[in-house]
N, C-alpha and C. Protein backbone atom coordinates (compact mmCIF):
# COMPACT_ATOMS: atom_id res chain seq x y z
N MET A 1 9.13 10.39 -18.60
CA MET A 1 9.60 11.62 -17.63
C MET A 1 8.55 12.45 -17.87
N ILE A 2 8.72 13.19 -16.29
CA ILE A 2 8.15 14.23 -15.89
C ILE A 2 8.86 15.28 -15.16
N VAL A 3 8.77 16.44 -15.29
CA VAL A 3 9.48 17.48 -14.26
C VAL A 3 8.64 18.19 -13.21
N ASP A 4 9.31 18.32 -12.33
CA ASP A 4 8.40 19.40 -11.13
C ASP A 4 9.17 20.62 -11.23
N VAL A 5 8.54 21.62 -11.67
CA VAL A 5 8.92 23.00 -11.74
C VAL A 5 8.51 23.84 -10.39
N ARG A 6 9.46 24.32 -9.41
CA ARG A 6 9.13 24.85 -8.07
C ARG A 6 9.53 26.42 -8.24
N THR A 7 8.36 27.17 -8.14
CA THR A 7 8.30 28.66 -7.95
C THR A 7 8.58 29.04 -6.52
N TYR A 8 9.29 29.80 -5.96
CA TYR A 8 9.20 30.17 -4.70
C TYR A 8 9.20 31.84 -4.71
N THR A 9 8.34 32.39 -4.40
CA THR A 9 8.33 34.25 -4.18
C THR A 9 8.84 34.85 -2.76
N PHE A 10 9.62 35.48 -2.77
CA PHE A 10 10.01 35.66 -0.90
C PHE A 10 9.64 37.13 -0.71
N LYS A 11 9.46 37.19 0.54
CA LYS A 11 9.07 38.73 1.26
C LYS A 11 10.09 39.27 0.55
N PRO A 12 10.25 40.61 0.25
CA PRO A 12 11.13 41.55 -0.03
C PRO A 12 12.59 41.45 1.23
N GLY A 13 13.38 41.03 0.69
CA GLY A 13 14.85 40.88 1.62
C GLY A 13 14.99 39.60 2.47
N MET A 14 14.35 38.62 1.80
CA MET A 14 14.48 37.42 2.35
C MET A 14 14.82 36.37 1.48
N MET A 15 15.01 36.60 0.07
CA MET A 15 15.26 35.82 -0.80
C MET A 15 16.97 35.23 -0.52
N HIS A 16 18.06 36.44 -0.51
CA HIS A 16 19.25 35.46 -0.24
C HIS A 16 19.73 34.89 1.15
N ASP A 17 19.13 35.37 2.06
CA ASP A 17 19.24 34.41 3.35
C ASP A 17 18.92 33.37 3.15
N TRP A 18 17.28 32.88 2.21
CA TRP A 18 16.78 31.62 2.38
C TRP A 18 17.98 30.82 1.11
N VAL A 19 18.36 31.32 0.21
CA VAL A 19 19.12 30.64 -0.95
C VAL A 19 20.28 30.28 0.08
N ALA A 20 21.19 30.91 0.74
CA ALA A 20 22.05 30.33 1.46
C ALA A 20 21.83 29.53 2.43
N LEU A 21 20.51 29.47 3.10
CA LEU A 21 20.15 28.49 3.99
C LEU A 21 20.26 27.01 3.18
N TYR A 22 19.45 27.34 2.11
CA TYR A 22 18.84 26.02 1.17
C TYR A 22 20.29 25.43 0.78
N GLU A 23 21.40 26.23 0.28
CA GLU A 23 22.53 25.99 -0.52
C GLU A 23 23.29 25.21 0.63
N THR A 24 23.42 25.49 2.09
CA THR A 24 23.90 24.57 3.21
C THR A 24 23.17 23.40 3.06
N HIS A 25 21.88 23.61 3.73
CA HIS A 25 21.23 22.40 4.35
C HIS A 25 20.44 21.53 3.36
N ALA A 26 19.83 22.01 2.39
CA ALA A 26 18.96 21.31 1.65
C ALA A 26 19.25 20.79 0.47
N TRP A 27 20.55 21.55 -0.38
CA TRP A 27 20.95 21.32 -1.77
C TRP A 27 21.68 19.88 -1.44
N PRO A 28 22.23 19.61 -0.69
CA PRO A 28 22.87 18.51 -0.45
C PRO A 28 22.06 17.32 -0.47
N LEU A 29 20.97 17.39 0.18
CA LEU A 29 19.66 16.56 0.56
C LEU A 29 19.05 16.17 -0.86
N GLN A 30 18.85 17.27 -1.46
CA GLN A 30 17.86 17.13 -2.78
C GLN A 30 18.82 16.51 -3.81
N LYS A 31 19.85 16.66 -3.96
CA LYS A 31 20.67 15.99 -4.75
C LYS A 31 20.72 14.65 -4.86
N GLN A 32 20.93 14.34 -3.05
CA GLN A 32 20.83 12.88 -3.03
C GLN A 32 19.69 12.30 -3.07
N TYR A 33 18.67 12.61 -3.00
CA TYR A 33 17.36 11.81 -2.63
C TYR A 33 16.46 12.27 -4.12
N LEU A 34 16.78 13.68 -4.70
CA LEU A 34 15.52 13.89 -5.85
C LEU A 34 16.38 13.27 -7.11
N GLY A 35 17.86 13.43 -7.23
CA GLY A 35 18.39 13.00 -8.45
C GLY A 35 18.62 14.20 -9.16
N THR A 36 18.31 14.34 -10.63
CA THR A 36 18.39 15.01 -11.71
C THR A 36 17.80 16.52 -11.50
N CYS A 37 18.65 17.47 -11.33
CA CYS A 37 18.16 18.64 -11.11
C CYS A 37 18.25 19.53 -12.57
N LEU A 38 17.35 20.07 -13.15
CA LEU A 38 17.57 20.57 -14.97
C LEU A 38 18.03 22.12 -14.73
N GLY A 39 17.80 22.71 -13.75
CA GLY A 39 18.03 24.04 -13.32
C GLY A 39 17.73 24.56 -12.03
N TRP A 40 18.47 25.47 -11.57
CA TRP A 40 18.31 26.31 -10.37
C TRP A 40 18.42 27.92 -10.52
N PHE A 41 17.64 28.46 -10.73
CA PHE A 41 17.57 30.03 -10.76
C PHE A 41 17.18 30.95 -9.96
N THR A 42 17.75 32.45 -9.88
CA THR A 42 16.99 33.30 -9.17
C THR A 42 16.81 34.34 -10.06
N SER A 43 15.89 35.17 -9.53
CA SER A 43 15.45 36.32 -10.48
C SER A 43 16.23 37.19 -10.77
N VAL A 44 16.58 37.76 -11.98
CA VAL A 44 17.41 39.01 -12.46
C VAL A 44 16.37 40.13 -12.94
N GLU A 45 15.32 39.82 -13.68
CA GLU A 45 14.32 40.67 -14.33
C GLU A 45 13.00 39.87 -14.30
N GLY A 46 12.07 41.04 -14.52
CA GLY A 46 10.91 40.65 -14.39
C GLY A 46 10.42 40.52 -12.85
N LYS A 47 9.55 39.26 -12.62
CA LYS A 47 9.06 39.32 -11.12
C LYS A 47 10.40 39.07 -10.63
N HIS A 48 10.28 40.02 -9.25
CA HIS A 48 11.34 39.97 -7.99
C HIS A 48 11.27 38.93 -7.08
N HIS A 49 12.28 38.86 -6.55
CA HIS A 49 12.19 37.94 -5.16
C HIS A 49 11.78 36.49 -5.93
N GLN A 50 12.20 35.93 -6.86
CA GLN A 50 11.71 34.46 -6.83
C GLN A 50 13.07 33.81 -7.14
N VAL A 51 12.80 32.25 -7.13
CA VAL A 51 13.57 31.40 -7.30
C VAL A 51 12.82 30.23 -7.99
N VAL A 52 13.23 29.66 -8.79
CA VAL A 52 12.61 28.50 -9.91
C VAL A 52 13.93 27.61 -9.68
N HIS A 53 13.07 26.15 -9.19
CA HIS A 53 13.83 25.02 -9.56
C HIS A 53 13.32 24.07 -10.40
N VAL A 54 13.84 23.26 -11.31
CA VAL A 54 13.44 22.05 -12.11
C VAL A 54 14.20 20.79 -11.70
N TRP A 55 13.26 19.64 -11.34
CA TRP A 55 13.54 18.48 -10.97
C TRP A 55 13.15 17.54 -12.04
N GLN A 56 13.65 16.66 -12.50
CA GLN A 56 13.51 15.56 -13.42
C GLN A 56 13.02 14.14 -12.52
N PHE A 57 12.10 13.59 -13.04
CA PHE A 57 11.61 12.35 -12.38
C PHE A 57 11.13 11.45 -13.59
N GLU A 58 11.06 10.04 -13.31
CA GLU A 58 10.96 8.74 -14.14
C GLU A 58 9.57 9.11 -14.21
N SER A 59 8.51 9.25 -13.25
CA SER A 59 7.40 9.20 -13.29
C SER A 59 6.68 10.17 -11.94
N GLN A 60 5.81 10.08 -11.98
CA GLN A 60 5.09 10.61 -10.89
C GLN A 60 5.40 9.51 -9.47
N ALA A 61 5.10 8.56 -9.91
CA ALA A 61 5.56 7.44 -8.49
C ALA A 61 6.96 7.70 -8.01
N ASP A 62 7.85 7.75 -9.09
CA ASP A 62 9.32 7.95 -9.06
C ASP A 62 9.19 9.14 -7.84
N ARG A 63 9.10 10.28 -8.55
CA ARG A 63 8.85 11.57 -7.54
C ARG A 63 8.27 11.36 -6.04
N GLU A 64 7.21 11.07 -6.08
CA GLU A 64 6.54 10.63 -4.70
C GLU A 64 7.40 9.77 -4.14
N THR A 65 8.05 8.83 -4.34
CA THR A 65 8.83 8.03 -3.62
C THR A 65 10.36 8.60 -3.39
N ARG A 66 10.74 9.60 -4.24
CA ARG A 66 11.95 10.03 -4.05
C ARG A 66 11.81 11.36 -2.70
N ARG A 67 10.57 11.84 -2.86
CA ARG A 67 10.19 12.82 -1.98
C ARG A 67 10.00 12.43 -0.80
N ALA A 68 9.26 11.21 -0.68
CA ALA A 68 8.87 10.71 0.78
C ALA A 68 9.88 10.25 1.49
N ALA A 69 11.40 9.92 0.75
CA ALA A 69 12.35 9.36 1.43
C ALA A 69 13.34 10.42 1.87
N MET A 70 12.92 11.70 1.19
CA MET A 70 13.46 13.11 1.55
C MET A 70 13.23 13.35 2.70
N LEU A 71 11.73 13.50 2.73
CA LEU A 71 10.82 13.82 4.06
C LEU A 71 11.44 13.30 5.31
N GLN A 72 11.47 12.20 5.22
CA GLN A 72 12.11 11.33 6.55
C GLN A 72 13.37 11.42 6.81
N ASP A 73 14.40 12.22 6.58
CA ASP A 73 15.64 12.54 6.72
C ASP A 73 15.61 13.36 7.90
N PRO A 74 16.23 13.03 9.00
CA PRO A 74 16.28 13.98 10.13
C PRO A 74 17.09 15.51 9.66
N ALA A 75 17.94 15.43 8.84
CA ALA A 75 18.61 16.89 8.59
C ALA A 75 17.46 17.62 7.77
N TRP A 76 16.52 16.76 6.83
CA TRP A 76 15.49 17.60 6.11
C TRP A 76 14.35 18.43 7.12
N LYS A 77 14.28 18.03 7.84
CA LYS A 77 13.20 18.01 9.20
C LYS A 77 14.03 19.28 10.03
N VAL A 78 15.56 19.54 10.03
CA VAL A 78 16.14 20.95 10.60
C VAL A 78 16.12 21.50 9.53
N PHE A 79 16.21 21.38 8.42
CA PHE A 79 16.05 22.25 7.33
C PHE A 79 14.71 22.92 7.32
N GLN A 80 13.44 22.18 7.54
CA GLN A 80 12.22 22.71 7.79
C GLN A 80 11.96 23.64 8.79
N ALA A 81 12.54 23.23 9.59
CA ALA A 81 12.20 23.88 10.97
C ALA A 81 12.96 25.43 11.11
N LYS A 82 14.18 25.59 10.38
CA LYS A 82 14.77 26.72 9.92
C LYS A 82 13.99 27.90 9.07
N VAL A 83 13.40 27.11 8.27
CA VAL A 83 12.59 27.82 7.25
C VAL A 83 11.48 28.19 7.86
N LYS A 84 10.77 27.37 8.55
CA LYS A 84 9.58 28.03 9.36
C LYS A 84 9.87 29.03 10.32
N GLU A 85 10.84 28.96 11.07
CA GLU A 85 11.52 30.27 12.09
C GLU A 85 11.91 31.52 11.04
N MET A 86 12.31 31.30 9.94
CA MET A 86 12.64 32.46 8.83
C MET A 86 11.35 33.06 8.29
N ASN A 87 10.56 32.26 8.12
CA ASN A 87 9.13 32.71 7.71
C ASN A 87 9.44 33.45 6.32
N PRO A 88 10.74 33.15 5.24
CA PRO A 88 10.55 33.62 4.05
C PRO A 88 9.68 34.00 3.16
N PHE A 89 8.59 33.16 2.81
CA PHE A 89 7.88 33.00 1.39
C PHE A 89 6.62 33.89 1.77
N ALA A 90 6.43 34.47 0.59
CA ALA A 90 5.22 34.87 -0.03
C ALA A 90 4.00 34.27 -0.66
N ALA A 91 4.88 33.50 -1.33
CA ALA A 91 3.73 32.65 -2.32
C ALA A 91 4.74 31.50 -2.93
N GLN A 92 4.26 29.90 -3.04
CA GLN A 92 5.21 28.94 -3.78
C GLN A 92 3.81 28.42 -4.78
N GLU A 93 4.52 27.62 -6.06
CA GLU A 93 3.61 27.09 -6.71
C GLU A 93 4.84 26.09 -7.34
N ASN A 94 4.21 25.12 -7.67
CA ASN A 94 4.74 23.78 -8.40
C ASN A 94 3.76 23.50 -8.95
N SER A 95 4.38 23.11 -10.48
CA SER A 95 3.61 22.25 -11.34
C SER A 95 4.47 21.27 -11.87
N ILE A 96 3.67 19.96 -12.33
CA ILE A 96 4.04 18.87 -12.88
C ILE A 96 3.87 18.67 -14.22
N MET A 97 5.03 18.46 -15.05
CA MET A 97 4.78 18.76 -16.79
C MET A 97 5.58 17.72 -17.20
N ALA A 98 4.91 17.56 -18.13
CA ALA A 98 5.49 16.14 -18.85
C ALA A 98 5.90 16.71 -20.50
N PRO A 99 6.86 16.17 -21.33
CA PRO A 99 7.56 16.85 -22.50
C PRO A 99 6.25 16.69 -23.52
N ALA A 100 6.24 17.57 -24.51
CA ALA A 100 5.37 17.27 -25.65
C ALA A 100 5.84 16.23 -26.21
N PRO A 101 4.87 16.05 -27.04
CA PRO A 101 4.86 14.48 -27.57
C PRO A 101 6.22 14.46 -28.66
N PHE A 102 6.40 15.93 -29.16
CA PHE A 102 7.60 15.88 -30.46
C PHE A 102 8.81 16.18 -29.61
N PHE A 103 9.09 16.18 -28.44
CA PHE A 103 10.21 16.80 -27.87
C PHE A 103 11.18 15.23 -27.41
N LYS A 104 12.10 15.22 -27.87
CA LYS A 104 13.11 14.01 -27.32
C LYS A 104 14.21 14.66 -26.61
N GLN A 105 14.53 14.43 -25.74
CA GLN A 105 15.88 14.84 -24.82
C GLN A 105 16.94 14.57 -25.28
N GLY A 106 18.15 15.26 -25.36
CA GLY A 106 19.65 14.77 -25.70
C GLY A 106 19.38 14.84 -27.23
């Protein structure tokens, strides 16, 4: 198992608009294509204007296959165009992480 941890930092005032757009357009697609979302969070304290979401995959190959299928969906392309027009991001980070040897899920 691996997890993809994605952190988006928004320009001030843009996070809530993007979250609304994401919920309507991207969330259904990501649930369809990516599978298991372990968490989806917005910042409350600490670094401001951030969204973090964490997705679980069987392997890097599983992740790449699922993401490639999603990227080909015409509805995903519509979402990406809306995001480009909105231009909400200040930064994006993503990390692929594996569980520590002692950790057993469940």
